[in-house]
Amino acid sequence: VPAKVAFRLESSKQAGLMTVKAQI
């Protein structure tokens, strides 16, 4: 399947965590 994946990091609403935003 022709797919490309990237990601970026953002602050999470939950304390002590970060959000990894996977973009497909």
mmCIF file of all heavy atoms, coordinates in Angstrom:
data_MODEL
# 
_entry.id   MODEL 
# 
loop_
_atom_site.group_PDB 
_atom_site.id 
_atom_site.type_symbol 
_atom_site.label_atom_id 
_atom_site.label_alt_id 
_atom_site.label_comp_id 
_atom_site.label_asym_id 
_atom_site.label_entity_id 
_atom_site.label_seq_id 
_atom_site.pdbx_PDB_ins_code 
_atom_site.Cartn_x 
_atom_site.Cartn_y 
_atom_site.Cartn_z 
_atom_site.occupancy 
_atom_site.B_iso_or_equiv 
_atom_site.pdbx_formal_charge 
_atom_site.auth_seq_id 
_atom_site.auth_comp_id 
_atom_site.auth_asym_id 
_atom_site.auth_atom_id 
_atom_site.pdbx_PDB_model_num 
ATOM 1   N N   . VAL A 1 1  ? 0.874  -1.177 0.000  1.00 0.00 ? 1  VAL A N   1 
ATOM 2   C CA  . VAL A 1 1  ? 0.000  0.000  0.000  1.00 0.00 ? 1  VAL A CA  1 
ATOM 3   C C   . VAL A 1 1  ? 0.913  1.230  0.000  1.00 0.00 ? 1  VAL A C   1 
ATOM 4   O O   . VAL A 1 1  ? 1.818  1.323  0.838  1.00 0.00 ? 1  VAL A O   1 
ATOM 5   C CB  . VAL A 1 1  ? -0.919 0.022  1.238  1.00 0.00 ? 1  VAL A CB  1 
ATOM 6   C CG1 . VAL A 1 1  ? -1.686 1.338  1.323  1.00 0.00 ? 1  VAL A CG1 1 
ATOM 7   C CG2 . VAL A 1 1  ? -1.890 -1.149 1.196  1.00 0.00 ? 1  VAL A CG2 1 
ATOM 8   N N   . PRO A 1 2  ? 0.717  2.178  -0.931 1.00 0.00 ? 2  PRO A N   1 
ATOM 9   C CA  . PRO A 1 2  ? 1.595  3.357  -1.000 1.00 0.00 ? 2  PRO A CA  1 
ATOM 10  C C   . PRO A 1 2  ? 1.319  4.321  0.152  1.00 0.00 ? 2  PRO A C   1 
ATOM 11  O O   . PRO A 1 2  ? 0.402  5.143  0.079  1.00 0.00 ? 2  PRO A O   1 
ATOM 12  C CB  . PRO A 1 2  ? 1.249  3.980  -2.359 1.00 0.00 ? 2  PRO A CB  1 
ATOM 13  C CG  . PRO A 1 2  ? -0.159 3.525  -2.623 1.00 0.00 ? 2  PRO A CG  1 
ATOM 14  C CD  . PRO A 1 2  ? -0.295 2.170  -2.001 1.00 0.00 ? 2  PRO A CD  1 
ATOM 15  N N   . ALA A 1 3  ? 2.096  4.197  1.212  1.00 0.00 ? 3  ALA A N   1 
ATOM 16  C CA  . ALA A 1 3  ? 1.872  5.023  2.401  1.00 0.00 ? 3  ALA A CA  1 
ATOM 17  C C   . ALA A 1 3  ? 3.199  5.584  2.907  1.00 0.00 ? 3  ALA A C   1 
ATOM 18  O O   . ALA A 1 3  ? 4.227  4.907  2.859  1.00 0.00 ? 3  ALA A O   1 
ATOM 19  C CB  . ALA A 1 3  ? 1.195  4.209  3.499  1.00 0.00 ? 3  ALA A CB  1 
ATOM 20  N N   . LYS A 1 4  ? 3.159  6.824  3.370  1.00 0.00 ? 4  LYS A N   1 
ATOM 21  C CA  . LYS A 1 4  ? 4.316  7.471  3.969  1.00 0.00 ? 4  LYS A CA  1 
ATOM 22  C C   . LYS A 1 4  ? 3.943  7.894  5.393  1.00 0.00 ? 4  LYS A C   1 
ATOM 23  O O   . LYS A 1 4  ? 2.823  8.334  5.644  1.00 0.00 ? 4  LYS A O   1 
ATOM 24  C CB  . LYS A 1 4  ? 4.754  8.684  3.156  1.00 0.00 ? 4  LYS A CB  1 
ATOM 25  C CG  . LYS A 1 4  ? 5.253  8.337  1.754  1.00 0.00 ? 4  LYS A CG  1 
ATOM 26  C CD  . LYS A 1 4  ? 5.702  9.588  1.008  1.00 0.00 ? 4  LYS A CD  1 
ATOM 27  C CE  . LYS A 1 4  ? 6.209  9.249  -0.390 1.00 0.00 ? 4  LYS A CE  1 
ATOM 28  N NZ  . LYS A 1 4  ? 6.637  10.471 -1.120 1.00 0.00 ? 4  LYS A NZ  1 
ATOM 29  N N   . VAL A 1 5  ? 4.908  7.755  6.304  1.00 0.00 ? 5  VAL A N   1 
ATOM 30  C CA  . VAL A 1 5  ? 4.644  8.033  7.717  1.00 0.00 ? 5  VAL A CA  1 
ATOM 31  C C   . VAL A 1 5  ? 5.628  9.079  8.237  1.00 0.00 ? 5  VAL A C   1 
ATOM 32  O O   . VAL A 1 5  ? 6.826  9.024  7.935  1.00 0.00 ? 5  VAL A O   1 
ATOM 33  C CB  . VAL A 1 5  ? 4.757  6.746  8.566  1.00 0.00 ? 5  VAL A CB  1 
ATOM 34  C CG1 . VAL A 1 5  ? 4.472  7.055  10.038 1.00 0.00 ? 5  VAL A CG1 1 
ATOM 35  C CG2 . VAL A 1 5  ? 3.799  5.671  8.040  1.00 0.00 ? 5  VAL A CG2 1 
ATOM 36  N N   . ALA A 1 6  ? 5.110  10.008 8.995  1.00 0.00 ? 6  ALA A N   1 
ATOM 37  C CA  . ALA A 1 6  ? 5.934  10.993 9.690  1.00 0.00 ? 6  ALA A CA  1 
ATOM 38  C C   . ALA A 1 6  ? 5.320  11.204 11.074 1.00 0.00 ? 6  ALA A C   1 
ATOM 39  O O   . ALA A 1 6  ? 4.238  10.686 11.376 1.00 0.00 ? 6  ALA A O   1 
ATOM 40  C CB  . ALA A 1 6  ? 5.996  12.305 8.918  1.00 0.00 ? 6  ALA A CB  1 
ATOM 41  N N   . PHE A 1 7  ? 6.016  11.936 11.921 1.00 0.00 ? 7  PHE A N   1 
ATOM 42  C CA  . PHE A 1 7  ? 5.467  12.206 13.258 1.00 0.00 ? 7  PHE A CA  1 
ATOM 43  C C   . PHE A 1 7  ? 6.017  13.526 13.770 1.00 0.00 ? 7  PHE A C   1 
ATOM 44  O O   . PHE A 1 7  ? 7.035  14.032 13.295 1.00 0.00 ? 7  PHE A O   1 
ATOM 45  C CB  . PHE A 1 7  ? 5.811  11.072 14.233 1.00 0.00 ? 7  PHE A CB  1 
ATOM 46  C CG  . PHE A 1 7  ? 7.277  11.007 14.604 1.00 0.00 ? 7  PHE A CG  1 
ATOM 47  C CD1 . PHE A 1 7  ? 7.782  11.719 15.680 1.00 0.00 ? 7  PHE A CD1 1 
ATOM 48  C CD2 . PHE A 1 7  ? 8.148  10.219 13.860 1.00 0.00 ? 7  PHE A CD2 1 
ATOM 49  C CE1 . PHE A 1 7  ? 9.130  11.661 16.004 1.00 0.00 ? 7  PHE A CE1 1 
ATOM 50  C CE2 . PHE A 1 7  ? 9.490  10.147 14.169 1.00 0.00 ? 7  PHE A CE2 1 
ATOM 51  C CZ  . PHE A 1 7  ? 9.984  10.876 15.250 1.00 0.00 ? 7  PHE A CZ  1 
ATOM 52  N N   . ARG A 1 8  ? 5.327  14.076 14.754 1.00 0.00 ? 8  ARG A N   1 
ATOM 53  C CA  . ARG A 1 8  ? 5.826  15.239 15.471 1.00 0.00 ? 8  ARG A CA  1 
ATOM 54  C C   . ARG A 1 8  ? 5.438  15.107 16.937 1.00 0.00 ? 8  ARG A C   1 
ATOM 55  O O   . ARG A 1 8  ? 4.496  14.377 17.276 1.00 0.00 ? 8  ARG A O   1 
ATOM 56  C CB  . ARG A 1 8  ? 5.285  16.537 14.872 1.00 0.00 ? 8  ARG A CB  1 
ATOM 57  C CG  . ARG A 1 8  ? 3.813  16.793 15.074 1.00 0.00 ? 8  ARG A CG  1 
ATOM 58  C CD  . ARG A 1 8  ? 3.441  18.182 14.546 1.00 0.00 ? 8  ARG A CD  1 
ATOM 59  N NE  . ARG A 1 8  ? 2.091  18.554 14.893 1.00 0.00 ? 8  ARG A NE  1 
ATOM 60  C CZ  . ARG A 1 8  ? 1.033  18.314 14.132 1.00 0.00 ? 8  ARG A CZ  1 
ATOM 61  N NH1 . ARG A 1 8  ? 1.179  17.680 12.975 1.00 0.00 ? 8  ARG A NH1 1 
ATOM 62  N NH2 . ARG A 1 8  ? -0.162 18.712 14.515 1.00 0.00 ? 8  ARG A NH2 1 
ATOM 63  N N   . LEU A 1 9  ? 6.164  15.793 17.785 1.00 0.00 ? 9  LEU A N   1 
ATOM 64  C CA  . LEU A 1 9  ? 5.926  15.733 19.231 1.00 0.00 ? 9  LEU A CA  1 
ATOM 65  C C   . LEU A 1 9  ? 5.255  17.006 19.708 1.00 0.00 ? 9  LEU A C   1 
ATOM 66  O O   . LEU A 1 9  ? 5.601  18.107 19.274 1.00 0.00 ? 9  LEU A O   1 
ATOM 67  C CB  . LEU A 1 9  ? 7.251  15.533 19.984 1.00 0.00 ? 9  LEU A CB  1 
ATOM 68  C CG  . LEU A 1 9  ? 8.069  14.288 19.636 1.00 0.00 ? 9  LEU A CG  1 
ATOM 69  C CD1 . LEU A 1 9  ? 9.376  14.277 20.423 1.00 0.00 ? 9  LEU A CD1 1 
ATOM 70  C CD2 . LEU A 1 9  ? 7.272  13.026 19.928 1.00 0.00 ? 9  LEU A CD2 1 
ATOM 71  N N   . GLU A 1 10 ? 4.297  16.835 20.602 1.00 0.00 ? 10 GLU A N   1 
ATOM 72  C CA  . GLU A 1 10 ? 3.622  17.963 21.219 1.00 0.00 ? 10 GLU A CA  1 
ATOM 73  C C   . GLU A 1 10 ? 3.402  17.667 22.695 1.00 0.00 ? 10 GLU A C   1 
ATOM 74  O O   . GLU A 1 10 ? 3.416  16.503 23.124 1.00 0.00 ? 10 GLU A O   1 
ATOM 75  C CB  . GLU A 1 10 ? 2.276  18.243 20.542 1.00 0.00 ? 10 GLU A CB  1 
ATOM 76  C CG  . GLU A 1 10 ? 2.380  18.761 19.125 1.00 0.00 ? 10 GLU A CG  1 
ATOM 77  C CD  . GLU A 1 10 ? 1.025  19.167 18.565 1.00 0.00 ? 10 GLU A CD  1 
ATOM 78  O OE1 . GLU A 1 10 ? 0.023  19.044 19.309 1.00 0.00 ? 10 GLU A OE1 1 
ATOM 79  O OE2 . GLU A 1 10 ? 0.973  19.609 17.400 1.00 0.00 ? 10 GLU A OE2 1 
ATOM 80  N N   . SER A 1 11 ? 3.184  18.719 23.462 1.00 0.00 ? 11 SER A N   1 
ATOM 81  C CA  . SER A 1 11 ? 2.890  18.537 24.884 1.00 0.00 ? 11 SER A CA  1 
ATOM 82  C C   . SER A 1 11 ? 1.533  17.882 25.052 1.00 0.00 ? 11 SER A C   1 
ATOM 83  O O   . SER A 1 11 ? 0.590  18.176 24.313 1.00 0.00 ? 11 SER A O   1 
ATOM 84  C CB  . SER A 1 11 ? 2.907  19.892 25.608 1.00 0.00 ? 11 SER A CB  1 
ATOM 85  O OG  . SER A 1 11 ? 4.186  20.495 25.517 1.00 0.00 ? 11 SER A OG  1 
ATOM 86  N N   . SER A 1 12 ? 1.456  16.982 26.012 1.00 0.00 ? 12 SER A N   1 
ATOM 87  C CA  . SER A 1 12 ? 0.203  16.289 26.285 1.00 0.00 ? 12 SER A CA  1 
ATOM 88  C C   . SER A 1 12 ? -0.576 17.010 27.373 1.00 0.00 ? 12 SER A C   1 
ATOM 89  O O   . SER A 1 12 ? -0.011 17.738 28.192 1.00 0.00 ? 12 SER A O   1 
ATOM 90  C CB  . SER A 1 12 ? 0.490  14.847 26.716 1.00 0.00 ? 12 SER A CB  1 
ATOM 91  O OG  . SER A 1 12 ? -0.696 14.211 27.154 1.00 0.00 ? 12 SER A OG  1 
ATOM 92  N N   . LYS A 1 13 ? -1.878 16.805 27.368 1.00 0.00 ? 13 LYS A N   1 
ATOM 93  C CA  . LYS A 1 13 ? -2.708 17.359 28.435 1.00 0.00 ? 13 LYS A CA  1 
ATOM 94  C C   . LYS A 1 13 ? -2.506 16.616 29.744 1.00 0.00 ? 13 LYS A C   1 
ATOM 95  O O   . LYS A 1 13 ? -2.879 17.112 30.811 1.00 0.00 ? 13 LYS A O   1 
ATOM 96  C CB  . LYS A 1 13 ? -4.178 17.303 28.027 1.00 0.00 ? 13 LYS A CB  1 
ATOM 97  C CG  . LYS A 1 13 ? -4.526 18.179 26.818 1.00 0.00 ? 13 LYS A CG  1 
ATOM 98  C CD  . LYS A 1 13 ? -6.001 18.085 26.476 1.00 0.00 ? 13 LYS A CD  1 
ATOM 99  C CE  . LYS A 1 13 ? -6.343 18.957 25.282 1.00 0.00 ? 13 LYS A CE  1 
ATOM 100 N NZ  . LYS A 1 13 ? -7.787 18.882 24.920 1.00 0.00 ? 13 LYS A NZ  1 
ATOM 101 N N   . GLN A 1 14 ? -1.924 15.419 29.669 1.00 0.00 ? 14 GLN A N   1 
ATOM 102 C CA  . GLN A 1 14 ? -1.660 14.620 30.855 1.00 0.00 ? 14 GLN A CA  1 
ATOM 103 C C   . GLN A 1 14 ? -0.261 14.919 31.379 1.00 0.00 ? 14 GLN A C   1 
ATOM 104 O O   . GLN A 1 14 ? 0.711  14.924 30.615 1.00 0.00 ? 14 GLN A O   1 
ATOM 105 C CB  . GLN A 1 14 ? -1.787 13.129 30.547 1.00 0.00 ? 14 GLN A CB  1 
ATOM 106 C CG  . GLN A 1 14 ? -3.142 12.728 29.993 1.00 0.00 ? 14 GLN A CG  1 
ATOM 107 C CD  . GLN A 1 14 ? -3.253 11.243 29.800 1.00 0.00 ? 14 GLN A CD  1 
ATOM 108 O OE1 . GLN A 1 14 ? -3.016 10.455 30.718 1.00 0.00 ? 14 GLN A OE1 1 
ATOM 109 N NE2 . GLN A 1 14 ? -3.616 10.830 28.589 1.00 0.00 ? 14 GLN A NE2 1 
ATOM 110 N N   . ALA A 1 15 ? -0.152 15.168 32.666 1.00 0.00 ? 15 ALA A N   1 
ATOM 111 C CA  . ALA A 1 15 ? 1.127  15.521 33.277 1.00 0.00 ? 15 ALA A CA  1 
ATOM 112 C C   . ALA A 1 15 ? 2.133  14.382 33.124 1.00 0.00 ? 15 ALA A C   1 
ATOM 113 O O   . ALA A 1 15 ? 1.802  13.213 33.297 1.00 0.00 ? 15 ALA A O   1 
ATOM 114 C CB  . ALA A 1 15 ? 0.931  15.839 34.765 1.00 0.00 ? 15 ALA A CB  1 
ATOM 115 N N   . GLY A 1 16 ? 3.365  14.747 32.779 1.00 0.00 ? 16 GLY A N   1 
ATOM 116 C CA  . GLY A 1 16 ? 4.426  13.771 32.665 1.00 0.00 ? 16 GLY A CA  1 
ATOM 117 C C   . GLY A 1 16 ? 4.456  13.010 31.360 1.00 0.00 ? 16 GLY A C   1 
ATOM 118 O O   . GLY A 1 16 ? 5.302  12.123 31.192 1.00 0.00 ? 16 GLY A O   1 
ATOM 119 N N   . LEU A 1 17 ? 3.567  13.337 30.432 1.00 0.00 ? 17 LEU A N   1 
ATOM 120 C CA  . LEU A 1 17 ? 3.507  12.633 29.152 1.00 0.00 ? 17 LEU A CA  1 
ATOM 121 C C   . LEU A 1 17 ? 3.705  13.597 27.994 1.00 0.00 ? 17 LEU A C   1 
ATOM 122 O O   . LEU A 1 17 ? 3.531  14.803 28.118 1.00 0.00 ? 17 LEU A O   1 
ATOM 123 C CB  . LEU A 1 17 ? 2.164  11.911 28.990 1.00 0.00 ? 17 LEU A CB  1 
ATOM 124 C CG  . LEU A 1 17 ? 1.776  10.884 30.049 1.00 0.00 ? 17 LEU A CG  1 
ATOM 125 C CD1 . LEU A 1 17 ? 0.422  10.273 29.707 1.00 0.00 ? 17 LEU A CD1 1 
ATOM 126 C CD2 . LEU A 1 17 ? 2.835  9.791  30.179 1.00 0.00 ? 17 LEU A CD2 1 
ATOM 127 N N   . MET A 1 18 ? 4.096  13.038 26.875 1.00 0.00 ? 18 MET A N   1 
ATOM 128 C CA  . MET A 1 18 ? 4.176  13.779 25.618 1.00 0.00 ? 18 MET A CA  1 
ATOM 129 C C   . MET A 1 18 ? 3.304  13.078 24.584 1.00 0.00 ? 18 MET A C   1 
ATOM 130 O O   . MET A 1 18 ? 3.071  11.870 24.665 1.00 0.00 ? 18 MET A O   1 
ATOM 131 C CB  . MET A 1 18 ? 5.617  13.848 25.117 1.00 0.00 ? 18 MET A CB  1 
ATOM 132 C CG  . MET A 1 18 ? 6.525  14.743 25.950 1.00 0.00 ? 18 MET A CG  1 
ATOM 133 S SD  . MET A 1 18 ? 6.143  16.511 25.728 1.00 0.00 ? 18 MET A SD  1 
ATOM 134 C CE  . MET A 1 18 ? 6.720  16.772 24.033 1.00 0.00 ? 18 MET A CE  1 
ATOM 135 N N   . THR A 1 19 ? 2.814  13.840 23.624 1.00 0.00 ? 19 THR A N   1 
ATOM 136 C CA  . THR A 1 19 ? 1.971  13.278 22.573 1.00 0.00 ? 19 THR A CA  1 
ATOM 137 C C   . THR A 1 19 ? 2.786  13.089 21.304 1.00 0.00 ? 19 THR A C   1 
ATOM 138 O O   . THR A 1 19 ? 3.403  14.034 20.805 1.00 0.00 ? 19 THR A O   1 
ATOM 139 C CB  . THR A 1 19 ? 0.776  14.190 22.271 1.00 0.00 ? 19 THR A CB  1 
ATOM 140 O OG1 . THR A 1 19 ? -0.029 14.327 23.445 1.00 0.00 ? 19 THR A OG1 1 
ATOM 141 C CG2 . THR A 1 19 ? -0.081 13.604 21.160 1.00 0.00 ? 19 THR A CG2 1 
ATOM 142 N N   . VAL A 1 20 ? 2.809  11.860 20.822 1.00 0.00 ? 20 VAL A N   1 
ATOM 143 C CA  . VAL A 1 20 ? 3.424  11.560 19.535 1.00 0.00 ? 20 VAL A CA  1 
ATOM 144 C C   . VAL A 1 20 ? 2.306  11.540 18.492 1.00 0.00 ? 20 VAL A C   1 
ATOM 145 O O   . VAL A 1 20 ? 1.417  10.694 18.539 1.00 0.00 ? 20 VAL A O   1 
ATOM 146 C CB  . VAL A 1 20 ? 4.159  10.202 19.561 1.00 0.00 ? 20 VAL A CB  1 
ATOM 147 C CG1 . VAL A 1 20 ? 4.759  9.895  18.189 1.00 0.00 ? 20 VAL A CG1 1 
ATOM 148 C CG2 . VAL A 1 20 ? 5.232  10.192 20.633 1.00 0.00 ? 20 VAL A CG2 1 
ATOM 149 N N   . LYS A 1 21 ? 2.356  12.485 17.568 1.00 0.00 ? 21 LYS A N   1 
ATOM 150 C CA  . LYS A 1 21 ? 1.327  12.589 16.533 1.00 0.00 ? 21 LYS A CA  1 
ATOM 151 C C   . LYS A 1 21 ? 1.827  11.868 15.280 1.00 0.00 ? 21 LYS A C   1 
ATOM 152 O O   . LYS A 1 21 ? 2.678  12.392 14.544 1.00 0.00 ? 21 LYS A O   1 
ATOM 153 C CB  . LYS A 1 21 ? 1.005  14.050 16.234 1.00 0.00 ? 21 LYS A CB  1 
ATOM 154 C CG  . LYS A 1 21 ? 0.262  14.762 17.362 1.00 0.00 ? 21 LYS A CG  1 
ATOM 155 C CD  . LYS A 1 21 ? -0.046 16.200 16.979 1.00 0.00 ? 21 LYS A CD  1 
ATOM 156 C CE  . LYS A 1 21 ? -1.023 16.838 17.961 1.00 0.00 ? 21 LYS A CE  1 
ATOM 157 N NZ  . LYS A 1 21 ? -2.380 16.331 17.817 1.00 0.00 ? 21 LYS A NZ  1 
ATOM 158 N N   . ALA A 1 22 ? 1.323  10.679 15.061 1.00 0.00 ? 22 ALA A N   1 
ATOM 159 C CA  . ALA A 1 22 ? 1.690  9.919  13.860 1.00 0.00 ? 22 ALA A CA  1 
ATOM 160 C C   . ALA A 1 22 ? 0.847  10.387 12.695 1.00 0.00 ? 22 ALA A C   1 
ATOM 161 O O   . ALA A 1 22 ? -0.386 10.430 12.782 1.00 0.00 ? 22 ALA A O   1 
ATOM 162 C CB  . ALA A 1 22 ? 1.490  8.432  14.105 1.00 0.00 ? 22 ALA A CB  1 
ATOM 163 N N   . GLN A 1 23 ? 1.495  10.749 11.597 1.00 0.00 ? 23 GLN A N   1 
ATOM 164 C CA  . GLN A 1 23 ? 0.803  11.259 10.413 1.00 0.00 ? 23 GLN A CA  1 
ATOM 165 C C   . GLN A 1 23 ? 1.043  10.295 9.248  1.00 0.00 ? 23 GLN A C   1 
ATOM 166 O O   . GLN A 1 23 ? 2.191  10.043 8.873  1.00 0.00 ? 23 GLN A O   1 
ATOM 167 C CB  . GLN A 1 23 ? 1.309  12.661 10.076 1.00 0.00 ? 23 GLN A CB  1 
ATOM 168 C CG  . GLN A 1 23 ? 1.095  13.667 11.213 1.00 0.00 ? 23 GLN A CG  1 
ATOM 169 C CD  . GLN A 1 23 ? 1.841  14.967 10.976 1.00 0.00 ? 23 GLN A CD  1 
ATOM 170 O OE1 . GLN A 1 23 ? 2.976  14.976 10.547 1.00 0.00 ? 23 GLN A OE1 1 
ATOM 171 N NE2 . GLN A 1 23 ? 1.167  16.077 11.261 1.00 0.00 ? 23 GLN A NE2 1 
ATOM 172 N N   . ILE A 1 24 ? -0.026 9.779  8.696  1.00 0.00 ? 24 ILE A N   1 
ATOM 173 C CA  . ILE A 1 24 ? 0.047  8.768  7.641  1.00 0.00 ? 24 ILE A CA  1 
ATOM 174 C C   . ILE A 1 24 ? -0.583 9.329  6.370  1.00 0.00 ? 24 ILE A C   1 
ATOM 175 O O   . ILE A 1 24 ? -1.733 9.773  6.377  1.00 0.00 ? 24 ILE A O   1 
ATOM 176 C CB  . ILE A 1 24 ? -0.672 7.481  8.064  1.00 0.00 ? 24 ILE A CB  1 
ATOM 177 C CG1 . ILE A 1 24 ? -0.109 6.962  9.397  1.00 0.00 ? 24 ILE A CG1 1 
ATOM 178 C CG2 . ILE A 1 24 ? -0.540 6.403  6.995  1.00 0.00 ? 24 ILE A CG2 1 
ATOM 179 C CD1 . ILE A 1 24 ? -0.889 5.807  9.980  1.00 0.00 ? 24 ILE A CD1 1 
# 
